[in-house]
Protein backbone atom coordinates (compact mmCIF):
# COMPACT_ATOMS: atom_id res chain seq x y z
CA MET A 1 38.02 0.35 -4.52
CA MET A 2 35.07 2.29 -4.86
CA GLU A 3 34.86 4.91 -8.30
CA GLN A 4 33.36 7.76 -6.40
CA ASN A 5 35.93 8.52 -2.84
CA ILE A 6 33.66 12.18 -2.36
CA VAL A 7 30.97 11.51 0.13
CA PHE A 8 28.48 14.14 1.82
CA GLY A 9 26.51 12.72 4.05
CA ILE A 10 23.77 14.29 4.63
CA ASP A 11 21.48 13.39 8.15
CA VAL A 12 17.79 14.66 7.07
CA SER A 13 15.08 16.43 9.60
CA SER A 14 11.88 17.71 9.76
CA HIS A 15 13.69 21.34 8.74
CA SER A 16 16.66 21.21 8.30
CA SER A 17 20.01 19.12 7.47
CA THR A 18 23.52 18.53 8.58
CA VAL A 19 26.04 17.84 5.88
CA CYS A 20 29.37 15.64 6.20
CA VAL A 21 32.30 15.55 3.59
CA VAL A 22 33.98 12.46 3.50
CA ILE A 23 36.89 12.08 1.37
CA ASP A 24 38.71 8.96 0.91
CA ARG A 25 37.56 8.43 4.66
CA ILE A 26 38.40 11.16 5.65
CA LYS A 27 36.11 13.99 7.52
CA GLN A 28 36.59 17.20 5.44
CA GLY A 29 36.62 20.51 7.93
CA GLU A 30 33.12 20.47 10.48
CA PRO A 31 29.98 19.49 9.06
CA PHE A 32 27.05 22.62 8.01
CA ILE A 33 23.73 22.82 8.34
CA ILE A 34 21.51 23.85 5.66
CA SER A 35 17.83 24.45 5.88
CA ASN A 36 15.89 22.29 3.78
CA ASP A 37 14.58 24.48 1.45
CA SER A 38 15.74 26.57 -2.19
CA PHE A 39 17.91 28.49 -0.06
CA GLY A 40 19.83 25.47 1.84
CA TYR A 41 19.40 24.15 -0.98
CA GLN A 42 21.60 26.30 -3.35
CA LYS A 43 24.03 26.28 -0.28
CA LEU A 44 24.48 22.45 -0.57
CA LEU A 45 24.75 23.24 -4.12
CA ASP A 46 27.87 25.41 -3.90
CA HIS A 47 29.77 23.16 -1.34
CA LEU A 48 29.60 20.37 -4.47
CA ASN A 49 30.91 22.27 -7.10
CA CYS A 50 33.57 23.15 -5.37
CA TYR A 51 34.96 19.66 -6.46
CA LEU A 52 36.31 18.64 -10.26
CA ILE A 53 34.30 15.14 -9.47
CA THR A 54 31.10 15.21 -8.31
CA PRO A 55 30.28 14.04 -5.04
CA LEU A 56 27.84 11.51 -4.49
CA VAL A 57 25.04 12.17 -1.71
CA VAL A 58 24.02 9.57 0.92
CA PHE A 59 21.39 10.20 2.81
CA GLU A 60 18.78 8.58 4.87
CA SER A 61 14.72 8.09 3.17
CA THR A 62 13.08 9.68 6.12
CA GLY A 63 9.70 9.88 4.94
CA VAL A 64 8.22 12.89 3.70
CA TYR A 65 11.24 14.78 5.20
CA SER A 66 13.40 13.61 2.46
CA LEU A 67 11.47 14.19 -0.11
CA SER A 68 12.80 17.71 -1.01
CA LEU A 69 16.17 16.72 -0.70
CA GLN A 70 15.78 14.07 -3.54
CA ALA A 71 13.82 16.79 -6.34
CA PHE A 72 16.88 18.87 -5.72
CA LEU A 73 18.95 15.86 -6.72
CA GLU A 74 17.54 14.48 -9.49
CA GLU A 75 16.61 17.87 -10.82
CA ASN A 76 20.55 18.53 -10.45
CA HIS A 77 21.72 14.92 -12.17
CA ILE A 78 23.86 14.61 -8.69
CA LYS A 79 24.47 10.86 -7.92
CA TYR A 80 22.55 10.00 -4.43
CA LEU A 81 22.30 6.62 -2.77
CA LYS A 82 18.84 7.13 -0.20
CA LEU A 83 19.02 4.44 1.90
CA ASN A 84 16.35 2.60 3.93
CA PRO A 85 16.72 4.24 8.06
CA LEU A 86 16.93 0.39 9.48
CA LYS A 87 19.34 -1.25 6.56
CA ALA A 88 21.74 2.66 6.96
CA LYS A 89 21.39 1.74 11.21
CA LYS A 90 22.51 -1.63 10.76
CA LEU A 91 25.30 -0.69 8.56
CA MET A 92 26.38 2.61 10.48
CA ASP A 93 26.28 -0.25 13.78
CA ASN A 94 28.52 -2.28 11.96
CA ASN A 95 31.30 -0.08 12.20
CA LEU A 96 31.51 0.75 15.45
CA ARG A 97 29.31 3.49 16.03
CA HIS A 98 28.64 4.06 19.42
CA ASN A 99 27.82 7.89 20.13
CA LYS A 100 24.04 9.03 18.16
CA THR A 101 24.37 13.09 17.30
CA ASP A 102 23.46 14.78 13.96
CA LYS A 103 27.06 15.65 12.77
CA LEU A 104 27.99 12.28 13.59
CA ASP A 105 25.00 10.13 11.60
CA ALA A 106 26.53 12.54 8.90
CA TYR A 107 29.57 11.37 9.28
CA HIS A 108 28.73 7.85 9.29
CA LEU A 109 25.96 8.11 6.63
CA ALA A 110 28.80 8.84 4.15
CA LEU A 111 31.32 6.17 5.75
CA ILE A 112 29.14 3.50 4.47
CA GLU A 113 29.94 3.98 0.75
CA PHE A 114 33.86 3.29 1.92
CA CYS A 115 33.05 0.72 4.48
CA ALA A 116 30.13 -1.32 2.48
CA PRO A 117 29.56 0.24 -0.74
CA GLN A 118 25.52 -0.40 -1.99
CA LYS A 119 24.61 -0.73 -5.56
CA LEU A 120 23.30 2.37 -6.98
CA ARG A 121 19.98 2.34 -8.71
CA GLU A 122 18.60 5.06 -11.40
CA PRO A 123 15.58 6.77 -9.91
CA GLN A 124 11.81 5.18 -10.95
CA PRO A 125 10.24 7.90 -13.05
CA LYS A 126 8.23 10.08 -11.31
CA GLU A 127 5.13 8.95 -12.01
CA TYR A 128 5.93 5.95 -9.74
CA HIS A 129 5.71 7.88 -7.01
CA GLU A 130 2.55 9.83 -7.62
CA MET A 131 1.23 6.61 -8.32
CA GLN A 132 2.22 5.23 -4.45
CA ASN A 133 0.11 8.70 -3.71
CA ALA A 134 -2.14 7.72 -4.89
CA SER A 135 -2.26 4.34 -3.46
CA ARG A 136 -2.26 5.96 0.03
CA TYR A 137 -4.88 7.53 -0.39
CA PHE A 138 -6.46 5.28 -1.77
CA GLU A 139 -5.95 3.46 1.21
CA GLU A 140 -6.82 6.31 3.33
CA LEU A 141 -10.55 6.41 1.21
CA THR A 142 -11.23 2.89 1.95
CA LYS A 143 -10.10 3.35 5.76
CA ASN A 144 -12.70 6.35 6.21
CA LEU A 145 -15.65 4.52 3.95
CA ILE A 146 -15.44 1.58 6.59
CA VAL A 147 -15.52 4.45 9.66
CA VAL A 148 -18.71 6.04 7.65
CA LYS A 149 -20.42 2.16 7.56
CA ASN A 150 -20.14 1.78 11.07
CA GLN A 151 -21.32 4.99 11.75
CA LEU A 152 -24.56 4.36 9.34
CA HIS A 153 -24.77 0.38 11.04
CA ARG A 154 -25.12 2.22 14.39
CA ASN A 155 -27.29 5.03 13.61
CA LEU A 156 -29.61 2.52 11.79
CA GLN A 157 -30.11 0.35 15.46
CA SER A 158 -32.26 3.49 16.56
CA THR A 159 -34.47 4.09 13.29
CA PHE A 160 -34.51 1.28 11.34
CA PRO A 161 -32.20 -1.86 12.09
CA GLN A 162 -34.23 -4.23 10.21
CA ILE A 163 -33.71 -2.62 6.79
CA GLU A 164 -30.12 -4.41 7.22
CA SER A 165 -31.78 -7.55 6.05
CA ILE A 166 -33.73 -6.02 3.33
CA MET A 167 -30.60 -7.90 1.08
CA SER A 168 -28.05 -10.38 1.58
CA ASN A 169 -25.45 -7.29 1.22
CA SER A 170 -25.68 -4.66 3.43
CA THR A 171 -23.70 -2.31 1.41
CA GLY A 172 -23.19 -1.08 -2.16
CA LYS A 173 -25.09 1.97 -3.85
CA VAL A 174 -27.91 0.12 -5.15
CA TYR A 175 -28.38 -0.45 -1.17
CA TRP A 176 -27.41 2.97 -0.08
CA THR A 177 -30.29 4.30 -2.19
CA ILE A 178 -33.02 1.92 -0.88
CA VAL A 179 -31.41 3.23 2.58
CA SER A 180 -31.45 7.31 1.71
CA LEU A 181 -35.04 6.57 0.70
CA PHE A 182 -36.58 5.01 4.02
CA PRO A 183 -34.29 5.81 7.03
CA HIS A 184 -36.60 5.12 9.30
CA ALA A 185 -39.37 2.58 9.62
CA GLN A 186 -42.19 5.44 9.52
CA TYR A 187 -41.02 6.56 6.10
CA VAL A 188 -42.65 2.95 4.87
CA LEU A 189 -45.53 3.02 6.73
CA GLU A 190 -46.75 6.42 5.86
CA SER A 191 -46.19 5.93 2.48
CA ASN A 192 -48.45 3.70 0.07
CA GLU A 193 -47.48 0.38 -1.71
CA THR A 194 -47.14 2.15 -5.71
CA ARG A 195 -45.54 4.79 -4.80
CA ILE A 196 -42.29 2.93 -2.70
CA TYR A 197 -42.92 0.28 -6.12
CA GLN A 198 -42.01 3.63 -8.26
CA GLU A 199 -39.66 4.84 -6.21
CA LEU A 200 -37.61 1.29 -5.51
CA LEU A 201 -37.42 0.99 -9.58
CA SER A 202 -36.08 3.77 -10.47
CA ILE A 203 -32.83 3.16 -8.60
CA PRO A 204 -30.42 1.62 -10.81
CA GLY A 205 -30.03 -1.99 -11.10
CA ILE A 206 -33.54 -2.79 -9.52
CA GLY A 207 -36.26 -4.43 -12.40
CA LYS A 208 -39.92 -4.56 -11.71
CA GLN A 209 -39.76 -8.53 -10.33
CA ARG A 210 -36.76 -7.55 -7.37
CA ALA A 211 -38.71 -4.15 -7.10
CA ARG A 212 -41.86 -6.03 -6.17
CA TYR A 213 -40.20 -8.40 -4.39
CA LEU A 214 -38.33 -5.17 -2.05
CA THR A 215 -41.89 -3.34 -1.92
CA ALA A 216 -43.28 -6.33 -0.17
CA ARG A 217 -39.92 -6.79 2.30
CA LEU A 218 -39.81 -3.40 2.73
CA TYR A 219 -43.42 -3.61 4.35
CA SER A 220 -42.91 -6.27 6.67
CA LEU A 221 -39.39 -5.30 7.94
CA ALA A 222 -41.10 -1.77 8.87
CA GLU A 223 -44.06 -3.59 10.34
CA GLN A 224 -41.04 -5.24 12.99
CA ALA A 225 -39.46 -2.41 13.78
CA TYR A 226 -39.64 -0.51 16.68
CA PRO A 227 -37.36 2.14 16.73
CA TYR A 228 -36.52 4.33 19.92
CA ASP A 229 -35.61 8.07 17.37
CA SER A 230 -38.93 9.58 16.01
CA ARG A 231 -39.08 9.59 12.13
CA ASP A 232 -38.09 13.63 13.04
CA SER A 233 -34.89 12.48 15.17
CA ILE A 234 -31.59 14.14 14.56
CA THR A 235 -30.33 10.37 13.44
CA VAL A 236 -32.28 10.69 10.41
CA ARG A 237 -30.40 13.52 9.62
CA ALA A 238 -27.33 11.94 10.36
CA ILE A 239 -28.11 8.89 8.37
CA GLN A 240 -28.53 10.50 5.02
CA ARG A 241 -25.37 12.31 5.61
CA ASN A 242 -23.83 8.68 6.46
CA ILE A 243 -24.98 7.83 3.06
CA SER A 244 -24.22 11.15 1.17
CA ASP A 245 -20.47 9.85 2.54
CA LEU A 246 -20.39 6.47 1.02
CA PHE A 247 -21.40 7.48 -2.05
CA SER A 248 -18.68 10.31 -2.46
CA LEU A 249 -16.07 8.13 -1.07
CA SER A 250 -17.21 5.24 -3.06
CA GLU A 251 -16.93 7.90 -6.03
CA GLU A 252 -13.90 9.22 -5.06
CA ARG A 253 -11.92 5.91 -4.65
CA ASP A 254 -12.97 4.93 -8.71
CA ASN A 255 -11.42 8.00 -9.23
CA VAL A 256 -8.83 7.07 -7.83
CA ILE A 257 -8.04 3.85 -9.43
CA ASN A 258 -9.19 5.28 -12.90
CA TYR A 259 -5.82 7.51 -12.12
CA LEU A 260 -3.92 5.31 -11.05
CA GLU A 261 -4.72 2.85 -14.78
CA LYS A 262 -3.90 6.51 -16.46
CA LEU A 263 -0.05 6.42 -15.01
CA ALA A 264 0.97 2.85 -14.93
CA LYS A 265 -0.28 2.57 -18.92
CA ILE A 266 2.64 5.58 -19.26
CA VAL A 267 5.64 3.75 -17.15
CA ASN A 268 4.35 0.23 -16.99
CA SER A 269 1.71 -0.85 -19.00
CA ARG A 270 2.89 -4.55 -19.54
CA ALA A 271 4.03 -4.81 -16.48
CA LEU A 272 -0.52 -4.68 -15.16
CA THR A 273 -1.09 -6.95 -17.97
CA ILE A 274 0.71 -9.76 -16.13
CA TYR A 275 -0.12 -9.03 -13.08
CA GLN A 276 -3.80 -9.28 -13.45
CA SER A 277 -2.73 -12.50 -15.28
CA ILE A 278 -2.39 -14.28 -12.41
CA PRO A 279 -4.73 -16.19 -10.95
CA GLY A 280 -6.85 -13.82 -8.12
CA ILE A 281 -5.33 -10.64 -8.68
CA ALA A 282 -7.93 -8.14 -10.37
CA ARG A 283 -7.42 -4.83 -11.69
CA THR A 284 -7.78 -2.77 -8.43
CA THR A 285 -5.26 -5.17 -7.07
CA ALA A 286 -2.61 -4.87 -10.09
CA LEU A 287 -2.66 -1.45 -10.12
CA ARG A 288 -1.85 -0.80 -6.49
CA LEU A 289 1.08 -3.40 -6.50
CA ILE A 290 2.89 -1.33 -9.54
CA ALA A 291 2.16 1.53 -6.97
CA GLU A 292 4.04 -0.13 -3.74
CA LEU A 293 6.16 -2.20 -5.33
CA GLY A 294 7.19 -0.10 -8.27
CA ASP A 295 9.15 -1.67 -11.33
CA LEU A 296 10.75 -4.98 -10.33
CA ARG A 297 13.18 -4.84 -12.71
CA ARG A 298 15.20 -2.89 -10.41
CA PHE A 299 15.95 -5.37 -7.94
CA ASP A 300 17.95 -8.25 -9.23
CA THR A 301 17.12 -10.64 -6.91
CA SER A 302 13.59 -11.57 -5.38
CA ALA A 303 14.98 -12.01 -1.42
CA GLN A 304 15.36 -8.11 -2.13
CA ILE A 305 11.59 -7.98 -2.93
CA ASP A 306 10.80 -9.63 0.66
CA ALA A 307 12.96 -7.23 2.29
CA PHE A 308 11.16 -4.44 1.01
CA ILE A 309 8.30 -5.54 2.02
CA GLY A 310 9.28 -6.56 5.63
CA ILE A 311 8.85 -10.19 4.78
CA ASP A 312 11.96 -11.34 5.29
CA PRO A 313 13.07 -14.14 7.86
CA GLY A 314 14.63 -11.79 11.04
CA ARG A 315 17.70 -13.78 13.12
CA TYR A 316 19.42 -13.50 16.26
CA GLN A 317 22.86 -14.91 16.89
CA SER A 318 24.38 -14.40 20.05
CA GLY A 319 27.45 -16.85 21.30
CA GLU A 320 26.08 -20.70 20.31
CA MET A 321 22.51 -18.83 20.65
CA ASP A 322 21.30 -18.67 16.84
CA ASN A 323 17.85 -18.15 16.57
CA HIS A 324 15.64 -17.88 13.68
CA LEU A 325 12.89 -15.12 14.24
CA GLY A 326 9.73 -14.24 12.29
CA ILE A 327 9.16 -12.19 9.73
CA THR A 328 11.06 -8.72 9.98
CA LYS A 329 7.79 -6.54 9.27
CA HIS A 330 10.73 -3.76 8.35
CA GLY A 331 9.78 -2.31 4.41
CA ASN A 332 6.18 -1.17 2.78
CA HIS A 333 4.40 -2.57 5.23
CA ILE A 334 0.91 -1.36 2.52
CA ALA A 335 2.50 -4.20 -0.25
CA ARG A 336 2.48 -6.46 2.47
CA LYS A 337 -0.73 -6.15 3.43
CA ILE A 338 -2.03 -6.83 -0.19
CA LEU A 339 -0.20 -8.82 -0.93
CA TYR A 340 -1.06 -11.07 1.91
CA ARG A 341 -4.51 -10.59 1.22
CA VAL A 342 -4.01 -11.87 -2.77
CA ILE A 343 -3.54 -15.23 -0.77
CA GLY A 344 -7.18 -14.95 0.45
CA GLN A 345 -8.64 -14.02 -2.91
CA MET A 346 -7.05 -16.95 -4.96
CA GLU A 347 -7.85 -19.64 -2.53
CA SER A 348 -11.84 -17.63 -3.77
CA THR A 349 -11.10 -18.69 -6.93
CA LYS A 350 -8.93 -21.16 -7.34
CA LEU A 351 -11.84 -23.65 -8.50
CA SER A 352 -12.68 -21.33 -11.79
CA GLN A 353 -8.42 -20.21 -12.17
CA PRO A 354 -6.18 -22.51 -10.70
CA CYS A 355 -2.87 -21.49 -9.76
CA HIS A 356 0.15 -23.33 -8.39
CA ILE A 357 0.48 -20.71 -5.61
CA THR A 358 -3.18 -22.31 -3.82
CA ASP A 359 -1.74 -25.57 -4.90
CA TYR A 360 1.57 -25.01 -2.51
CA TYR A 361 -1.15 -23.21 0.17
CA ASP A 362 -3.85 -26.72 0.24
CA ASN A 363 -1.11 -28.68 0.28
CA LYS A 364 0.89 -27.17 2.78
CA LYS A 365 -2.16 -26.09 5.48
CA GLN A 366 -3.30 -30.46 4.73
CA SER A 367 -0.10 -31.63 5.81
CA SER A 368 1.05 -29.00 8.74
CA HIS A 369 -0.32 -30.30 12.09
CA SER A 370 -0.32 -26.98 13.31
CA ARG A 371 -3.39 -24.08 12.78
CA GLY A 372 -0.21 -21.40 11.63
CA TYR A 373 -2.39 -20.15 8.88
CA LYS A 374 -0.66 -16.76 9.03
CA LYS A 375 2.85 -18.87 8.08
CA ILE A 376 1.72 -20.85 5.39
CA ALA A 377 0.16 -17.24 3.97
CA ILE A 378 3.56 -16.00 4.27
CA ALA A 379 5.39 -18.78 2.63
CA SER A 380 2.65 -18.49 -0.04
CA VAL A 381 3.25 -14.92 -0.47
CA HIS A 382 7.42 -15.62 -1.26
CA LYS A 383 6.21 -18.29 -3.86
CA LEU A 384 3.84 -14.88 -5.01
CA ILE A 385 6.46 -12.59 -4.88
CA ARG A 386 9.27 -14.85 -6.92
CA THR A 387 6.13 -15.86 -9.23
CA MET A 388 5.93 -11.87 -9.87
CA PHE A 389 9.21 -11.75 -10.04
CA ALA A 390 10.07 -14.07 -12.62
CA LEU A 391 7.35 -13.13 -15.24
CA ILE A 392 8.32 -9.35 -14.83
CA LYS A 393 11.77 -10.25 -15.71
CA GLN A 394 11.04 -12.90 -18.56
CA ASN A 395 8.13 -10.95 -19.75
CA GLN A 396 5.24 -13.58 -19.85
CA LEU A 397 2.20 -13.66 -18.57
CA TYR A 398 1.21 -16.53 -16.09
CA ASP A 399 0.46 -20.09 -17.08
CA TYR A 400 -0.48 -22.45 -15.00
CA ASN A 401 0.89 -25.29 -16.50
CA VAL A 402 4.14 -23.80 -17.55
CA ALA A 403 4.09 -22.82 -13.40
CA THR A 404 3.31 -26.10 -12.21
CA LYS A 405 6.43 -27.69 -14.00
CA ASN A 406 9.06 -24.93 -13.11
CA LYS A 407 10.35 -25.82 -9.41
CA ARG A 408 12.23 -22.52 -8.99
CA LEU A 409 8.65 -20.46 -8.94
């Protein structure tokens, strides 16, 4: 029997929320509506204070809309259960919910704690939420960076497409600086060799020998070019703007990573060290994993982390039919994407940094008759999560020899 028998079920919407009070499974009066602001929360607090025992509040995590309610509950030290919407739906449907309205949803949310009590967890420090905000901002900056890179590529096609082959890697600050100096082939042809050499030499990261090579290379590429737009075209201005945006976005991404590191050292510096000890996980990836996964110690099993990021297997059961489906793809899709990417990073560093997860991946790939790269990669992500969870729980750094002997990792 649950210790708490007074439950406030709250169905959160964008501007208001519906509250239903349930005591020992019995609804108390009609549900009432509060606004999602300080006045509405004061009204909620007045109702909560009517009871000698502080009620438990149950609500769904509805993205940004439920954050202010969560802040209010934490500030007033009120215990709450925040449910993933998909999990809440499943729990409510299992209790034979036939109709859906805000009032009924609030009531059925409250009933969950009577019919299927969920484990209450202490809220994570707010720094974790700030880290997740920073991680999402980093993701947004990265997407914008890709958009601007594509714009730069398109613009160069009509002024100086050959310059994209000036370096083996046509990205990064050195390349962008060269393009900003010579956005049109005519800029090279109208200049003299000494001036171009001096301009290239002034770029950080370019020495004398490389400056001489790039000068000759620029002349060769400019002579091949046959631009559609003139050197005075608005496209040249667009290229200069693209370069400016790339520098700005790149600098802001660096600032975000530095900010993430500062927060990580406040809440969980040991986790940062542990993650970075795993082959294939460098500083940026480690910081984003902490931001997206939070404190792994709050989970009881690695399977709960699988469900949290949405790589737990789906299942369809009806009568005699019992099918195991692909992964659910519910939960934190950013964390899922980062972990999936880590497997590729592990593969690229396996010669210098051996890892039992890449051993597993390679064995699966060799023994598999199919070309299901994704299935093998997801299986490797499962293994990576188990490894991360064990290392955090045991407060240990990654050791290849230990990992290969531990069959549970």
